[in-house]
């Protein structure tokens, strides 16, 4: 695994009330986080959360399709593509 992907997998995310490494998250964790973010979407500045919530949902679907138990089981290109959209790494 390339160093940049390894670094992404080791990023800490606050999910389910605790800090965890991104690579250790399950599809259920990603779905729950997507639901929590979606619940926070409203008008004005909070509308910007919607694409992030959608990206977390896409992560859970990608994990289901790949049969991945945790994020680290996904292909590196999938991880690299989704990480900025999830705000696990900064976009851009």
Protein backbone atom coordinates (compact mmCIF):
# COMPACT_ATOMS: atom_id res chain seq x y z
CA UNK A 1 0.00 0.00 0.00
CA UNK A 2 1.36 3.41 -0.91
CA UNK A 3 2.33 5.82 1.88
CA UNK A 4 -0.37 8.39 1.01
CA UNK A 5 -3.11 5.74 1.28
CA UNK A 6 -1.59 4.41 4.49
CA UNK A 7 -1.66 7.96 5.86
CA UNK A 8 -5.32 8.32 4.89
CA UNK A 9 -6.21 5.06 6.64
CA UNK A 10 -4.46 6.25 9.81
CA UNK A 11 -6.35 9.58 9.92
CA UNK A 12 -8.44 9.99 13.06
CA UNK A 13 -12.15 10.67 12.55
CA UNK A 14 -14.71 11.45 15.21
CA UNK A 15 -17.55 9.03 14.67
CA UNK A 16 -20.02 7.43 17.02
CA UNK A 17 -18.82 9.58 19.91
CA UNK A 18 -15.17 8.52 19.69
CA UNK A 19 -12.00 9.13 17.69
CA UNK A 20 -11.16 6.16 15.47
CA UNK A 21 -8.84 5.53 12.57
CA UNK A 22 -10.51 5.87 9.19
CA UNK A 23 -9.20 2.48 8.09
CA UNK A 24 -10.95 0.71 10.98
CA UNK A 25 -14.47 1.93 10.14
CA UNK A 26 -17.11 -0.55 8.99
CA UNK A 27 -19.87 0.00 6.44
CA UNK A 28 -22.33 0.27 9.34
CA UNK A 29 -20.16 3.03 10.86
CA UNK A 30 -20.15 4.89 7.54
CA UNK A 31 -23.95 4.56 7.19
CA UNK A 32 -24.51 5.79 10.74
CA UNK A 33 -22.20 8.76 10.14
CA UNK A 34 -23.99 9.56 6.87
CA UNK A 35 -27.32 9.50 8.71
CA UNK A 36 -26.01 11.76 11.49
CA UNK A 37 -24.63 14.25 8.99
CA UNK A 38 -27.81 14.16 6.91
CA UNK A 39 -29.81 14.99 10.05
CA UNK A 40 -27.69 18.13 10.50
CA UNK A 41 -28.40 19.44 6.99
CA UNK A 42 -30.61 22.49 6.88
CA UNK A 43 -30.62 25.92 5.28
CA UNK A 44 -27.72 28.29 4.94
CA UNK A 45 -24.25 27.10 5.93
CA UNK A 46 -25.47 23.67 7.07
CA UNK A 47 -26.57 22.90 3.50
CA UNK A 48 -22.87 22.39 2.75
CA UNK A 49 -22.94 19.24 4.85
CA UNK A 50 -25.21 17.42 2.36
CA UNK A 51 -22.44 16.43 -0.11
CA UNK A 52 -20.30 15.12 2.75
CA UNK A 53 -23.22 13.05 4.06
CA UNK A 54 -23.75 11.69 0.54
CA UNK A 55 -20.06 10.76 0.27
CA UNK A 56 -20.27 8.78 3.53
CA UNK A 57 -23.29 6.95 2.14
CA UNK A 58 -21.32 6.22 -1.05
CA UNK A 59 -18.48 4.86 1.09
CA UNK A 60 -20.86 2.43 2.81
CA UNK A 61 -22.23 1.29 -0.56
CA UNK A 62 -18.72 0.82 -1.98
CA UNK A 63 -17.81 -1.27 1.05
CA UNK A 64 -20.94 -3.40 0.66
CA UNK A 65 -20.22 -3.96 -3.05
CA UNK A 66 -16.60 -4.92 -2.34
CA UNK A 67 -17.45 -7.09 0.65
CA UNK A 68 -15.08 -4.96 2.72
CA UNK A 69 -15.24 -5.48 6.47
CA UNK A 70 -13.45 -2.19 7.13
CA UNK A 71 -12.33 0.76 5.00
CA UNK A 72 -8.77 -0.62 4.88
CA UNK A 73 -10.11 -3.58 2.87
CA UNK A 74 -11.09 -1.30 -0.03
CA UNK A 75 -8.93 -0.80 -3.10
CA UNK A 76 -6.46 2.09 -2.65
CA UNK A 77 -7.90 4.05 -5.59
CA UNK A 78 -11.38 4.00 -4.01
CA UNK A 79 -9.95 5.23 -0.71
CA UNK A 80 -7.98 7.99 -2.43
CA UNK A 81 -11.01 9.12 -4.42
CA UNK A 82 -13.45 9.23 -1.51
CA UNK A 83 -11.22 10.60 1.29
CA UNK A 84 -11.38 14.28 0.22
CA UNK A 85 -15.13 14.10 -0.34
CA UNK A 86 -15.53 12.65 3.15
CA UNK A 87 -13.32 15.39 4.59
CA UNK A 88 -10.99 12.70 5.95
CA UNK A 89 -8.33 14.57 4.01
CA UNK A 90 -8.69 18.16 2.93
CA UNK A 91 -10.21 18.61 -0.53
CA UNK A 92 -8.08 20.11 -3.24
